[in-house]
């Protein structure tokens, strides 16, 4: 199973680091785009219809929660990847699949991707029924 994903992080190093860890440890993840802002992320989500968004929270102009609020219905899974631990409760309210703190522990990332993979499979099975 391949999971079409995008990475949203205002820091280039953060996007590159996450993409590298995913490539090495999570081969089922296909990163189809990267965004350094909420505005660009909205366009990527609309164009690519990803199944998973890796989302930073604090970014200039708009934050990760404002990105999610832009969509009436969220049709993708979200894994927050952030340096801030104080947003976890709010992330849960958005039904985030997981919340990973930077620096990224690849074991945590693998577990989060596994959880998302299971959620996507269940969603597909429910749609078939």
C-alpha atoms as a PDB file:
ATOM      1  CA  UNK A   1       0.000   0.000   0.000  1.00  0.00           C
ATOM      2  CA  UNK A   2       1.327   3.405  -0.990  1.00  0.00           C
ATOM      3  CA  UNK A   3       0.199   6.440   0.996  1.00  0.00           C
ATOM      4  CA  UNK A   4       0.169   9.695  -0.978  1.00  0.00           C
ATOM      5  CA  UNK A   5       1.472  12.429   1.348  1.00  0.00           C
ATOM      6  CA  UNK A   6       2.588  16.029   1.571  1.00  0.00           C
ATOM      7  CA  UNK A   7       4.904  17.713   4.049  1.00  0.00           C
ATOM      8  CA  UNK A   8       4.039  21.160   5.396  1.00  0.00           C
ATOM      9  CA  UNK A   9       6.804  22.946   7.318  1.00  0.00           C
ATOM     10  CA  UNK A  10       8.107  26.488   6.940  1.00  0.00           C
ATOM     11  CA  UNK A  11      11.687  25.333   7.573  1.00  0.00           C
ATOM     12  CA  UNK A  12      13.437  23.752   4.582  1.00  0.00           C
ATOM     13  CA  UNK A  13      15.680  21.695   6.865  1.00  0.00           C
ATOM     14  CA  UNK A  14      12.595  20.321   8.641  1.00  0.00           C
ATOM     15  CA  UNK A  15      11.009  19.234   5.350  1.00  0.00           C
ATOM     16  CA  UNK A  16      14.235  17.674   4.089  1.00  0.00           C
ATOM     17  CA  UNK A  17      14.881  15.860   7.384  1.00  0.00           C
ATOM     18  CA  UNK A  18      11.370  14.400   7.510  1.00  0.00           C
ATOM     19  CA  UNK A  19      11.469  13.399   3.836  1.00  0.00           C
ATOM     20  CA  UNK A  20      14.802  11.655   4.388  1.00  0.00           C
ATOM     21  CA  UNK A  21      13.586   9.728   7.427  1.00  0.00           C
ATOM     22  CA  UNK A  22      10.423   8.709   5.562  1.00  0.00           C
ATOM     23  CA  UNK A  23      12.415   7.518   2.563  1.00  0.00           C
ATOM     24  CA  UNK A  24      14.706   5.444   4.777  1.00  0.00           C
ATOM     25  CA  UNK A  25      12.175   3.998   7.242  1.00  0.00           C
ATOM     26  CA  UNK A  26       8.699   4.285   5.695  1.00  0.00           C
ATOM     27  CA  UNK A  27       8.840   3.161   2.058  1.00  0.00           C
ATOM     28  CA  UNK A  28       5.031   3.060   1.852  1.00  0.00           C
ATOM     29  CA  UNK A  29       4.971   6.879   2.030  1.00  0.00           C
ATOM     30  CA  UNK A  30       5.018   8.656  -1.342  1.00  0.00           C
ATOM     31  CA  UNK A  31       5.736  12.343  -0.778  1.00  0.00           C
ATOM     32  CA  UNK A  32       4.020  14.083  -3.696  1.00  0.00           C
ATOM     33  CA  UNK A  33       4.632  17.642  -2.532  1.00  0.00           C
ATOM     34  CA  UNK A  34       6.118  19.946   0.047  1.00  0.00           C
ATOM     35  CA  UNK A  35       4.854  23.317   1.237  1.00  0.00           C
ATOM     36  CA  UNK A  36       6.557  26.034   3.246  1.00  0.00           C
ATOM     37  CA  UNK A  37       3.313  27.883   4.002  1.00  0.00           C
ATOM     38  CA  UNK A  38      -0.344  27.273   4.714  1.00  0.00           C
ATOM     39  CA  UNK A  39      -1.306  29.007   1.458  1.00  0.00           C
ATOM     40  CA  UNK A  40       0.825  26.658  -0.636  1.00  0.00           C
ATOM     41  CA  UNK A  41      -0.311  23.655   1.410  1.00  0.00           C
ATOM     42  CA  UNK A  42      -3.959  24.410   0.632  1.00  0.00           C
ATOM     43  CA  UNK A  43      -3.168  24.403  -3.089  1.00  0.00           C
ATOM     44  CA  UNK A  44      -1.191  21.156  -2.826  1.00  0.00           C
ATOM     45  CA  UNK A  45      -3.999  19.463  -0.904  1.00  0.00           C
ATOM     46  CA  UNK A  46      -6.566  20.582  -3.458  1.00  0.00           C
ATOM     47  CA  UNK A  47      -4.394  19.484  -6.404  1.00  0.00           C
ATOM     48  CA  UNK A  48      -2.956  16.205  -5.102  1.00  0.00           C
ATOM     49  CA  UNK A  49      -5.714  14.994  -2.738  1.00  0.00           C
ATOM     50  CA  UNK A  50      -3.192  13.401  -0.333  1.00  0.00           C
ATOM     51  CA  UNK A  51      -4.168  10.653   2.070  1.00  0.00           C
ATOM     52  CA  UNK A  52      -1.759  11.995   4.696  1.00  0.00           C
ATOM     53  CA  UNK A  53      -0.417  15.430   5.631  1.00  0.00           C
ATOM     54  CA  UNK A  54       2.644  15.831   7.830  1.00  0.00           C
ATOM     55  CA  UNK A  55       1.934  19.214   9.405  1.00  0.00           C
ATOM     56  CA  UNK A  56       4.028  21.658  11.383  1.00  0.00           C
ATOM     57  CA  UNK A  57       2.058  23.970  13.654  1.00  0.00           C
ATOM     58  CA  UNK A  58       3.894  27.260  14.064  1.00  0.00           C
ATOM     59  CA  UNK A  59       4.571  28.939  10.731  1.00  0.00           C
ATOM     60  CA  UNK A  60       4.611  32.582   9.615  1.00  0.00           C
ATOM     61  CA  UNK A  61       1.304  34.183   8.554  1.00  0.00           C
ATOM     62  CA  UNK A  62      -0.897  31.174   9.421  1.00  0.00           C
ATOM     63  CA  UNK A  63      -0.486  28.051  11.557  1.00  0.00           C
ATOM     64  CA  UNK A  64      -1.251  24.392  10.971  1.00  0.00           C
ATOM     65  CA  UNK A  65      -4.612  24.604  12.715  1.00  0.00           C
ATOM     66  CA  UNK A  66      -5.696  27.413  10.395  1.00  0.00           C
ATOM     67  CA  UNK A  67      -4.835  25.124   7.490  1.00  0.00           C
ATOM     68  CA  UNK A  68      -7.180  22.452   8.844  1.00  0.00           C
ATOM     69  CA  UNK A  69      -9.907  25.014   9.562  1.00  0.00           C
ATOM     70  CA  UNK A  70      -9.813  26.005   5.886  1.00  0.00           C
ATOM     71  CA  UNK A  71     -11.389  22.666   4.950  1.00  0.00           C
ATOM     72  CA  UNK A  72     -15.043  22.013   5.714  1.00  0.00           C
ATOM     73  CA  UNK A  73     -14.341  18.282   5.833  1.00  0.00           C
ATOM     74  CA  UNK A  74     -10.866  16.868   6.283  1.00  0.00           C
ATOM     75  CA  UNK A  75     -10.471  13.922   3.911  1.00  0.00           C
ATOM     76  CA  UNK A  76      -6.872  13.178   4.862  1.00  0.00           C
ATOM     77  CA  UNK A  77      -5.013  11.918   7.898  1.00  0.00           C
ATOM     78  CA  UNK A  78      -2.793  14.333   9.821  1.00  0.00           C
ATOM     79  CA  UNK A  79       0.425  13.702  11.675  1.00  0.00           C
ATOM     80  CA  UNK A  80       1.615  16.822  13.431  1.00  0.00           C
ATOM     81  CA  UNK A  81       5.393  17.188  13.440  1.00  0.00           C
ATOM     82  CA  UNK A  82       6.353  20.104  15.650  1.00  0.00           C
ATOM     83  CA  UNK A  83       8.835  21.402  18.197  1.00  0.00           C
ATOM     84  CA  UNK A  84       6.022  22.484  20.520  1.00  0.00           C
ATOM     85  CA  UNK A  85       4.380  20.104  22.973  1.00  0.00           C
ATOM     86  CA  UNK A  86       1.665  22.509  24.126  1.00  0.00           C
ATOM     87  CA  UNK A  87      -0.686  21.952  21.163  1.00  0.00           C
ATOM     88  CA  UNK A  88      -1.356  18.239  21.647  1.00  0.00           C
ATOM     89  CA  UNK A  89      -4.876  18.666  23.082  1.00  0.00           C
ATOM     90  CA  UNK A  90      -5.893  20.917  20.203  1.00  0.00           C
ATOM     91  CA  UNK A  91      -4.421  18.394  17.753  1.00  0.00           C
ATOM     92  CA  UNK A  92      -6.590  15.661  19.274  1.00  0.00           C
ATOM     93  CA  UNK A  93      -9.666  17.809  18.660  1.00  0.00           C
ATOM     94  CA  UNK A  94      -8.785  17.773  14.960  1.00  0.00           C
ATOM     95  CA  UNK A  95      -8.617  13.951  15.096  1.00  0.00           C
ATOM     96  CA  UNK A  96      -4.900  13.952  14.371  1.00  0.00           C
ATOM     97  CA  UNK A  97      -3.508  10.474  13.828  1.00  0.00           C
ATOM     98  CA  UNK A  98      -0.407  11.359  15.832  1.00  0.00           C
ATOM     99  CA  UNK A  99       1.706  14.155  17.300  1.00  0.00           C
ATOM    100  CA  UNK A 100       5.475  13.859  16.917  1.00  0.00           C
ATOM    101  CA  UNK A 101       7.938  16.196  18.563  1.00  0.00           C
ATOM    102  CA  UNK A 102      11.062  17.466  16.842  1.00  0.00           C
ATOM    103  CA  UNK A 103      13.764  16.282  16.706  1.00  0.00           C
ATOM    104  CA  UNK A 104      12.016  13.347  15.068  1.00  0.00           C
ATOM    105  CA  UNK A 105      12.517   9.925  16.586  1.00  0.00           C
ATOM    106  CA  UNK A 106      12.198   7.521  13.670  1.00  0.00           C
ATOM    107  CA  UNK A 107      10.586   4.872  15.897  1.00  0.00           C
ATOM    108  CA  UNK A 108       7.796   7.342  16.711  1.00  0.00           C
ATOM    109  CA  UNK A 109       7.441   8.169  13.025  1.00  0.00           C
ATOM    110  CA  UNK A 110       7.206   4.507  12.010  1.00  0.00           C
ATOM    111  CA  UNK A 111       4.530   3.925  14.669  1.00  0.00           C
ATOM    112  CA  UNK A 112       2.565   6.966  13.471  1.00  0.00           C
ATOM    113  CA  UNK A 113       2.735   5.870   9.824  1.00  0.00           C
ATOM    114  CA  UNK A 114       1.627   2.360  10.805  1.00  0.00           C
ATOM    115  CA  UNK A 115      -1.351   3.852  12.649  1.00  0.00           C
ATOM    116  CA  UNK A 116      -2.276   5.956   9.618  1.00  0.00           C
ATOM    117  CA  UNK A 117      -1.944   2.968   7.301  1.00  0.00           C
ATOM    118  CA  UNK A 118      -4.387   1.024   9.487  1.00  0.00           C
ATOM    119  CA  UNK A 119      -6.819   3.958   9.593  1.00  0.00           C
ATOM    120  CA  UNK A 120      -6.734   4.315   5.804  1.00  0.00           C
ATOM    121  CA  UNK A 121      -7.303   0.581   5.277  1.00  0.00           C
ATOM    122  CA  UNK A 122     -10.272   0.620   7.663  1.00  0.00           C
ATOM    123  CA  UNK A 123     -11.718   3.664   5.917  1.00  0.00           C
ATOM    124  CA  UNK A 124     -11.397   1.940   2.525  1.00  0.00           C
ATOM    125  CA  UNK A 125     -13.030  -1.235   3.853  1.00  0.00           C
ATOM    126  CA  UNK A 126     -15.931   0.777   5.303  1.00  0.00           C
ATOM    127  CA  UNK A 127     -16.444   2.560   1.982  1.00  0.00           C
ATOM    128  CA  UNK A 128     -16.571  -0.794   0.149  1.00  0.00           C
ATOM    129  CA  UNK A 129     -19.212  -2.099   2.542  1.00  0.00           C
END
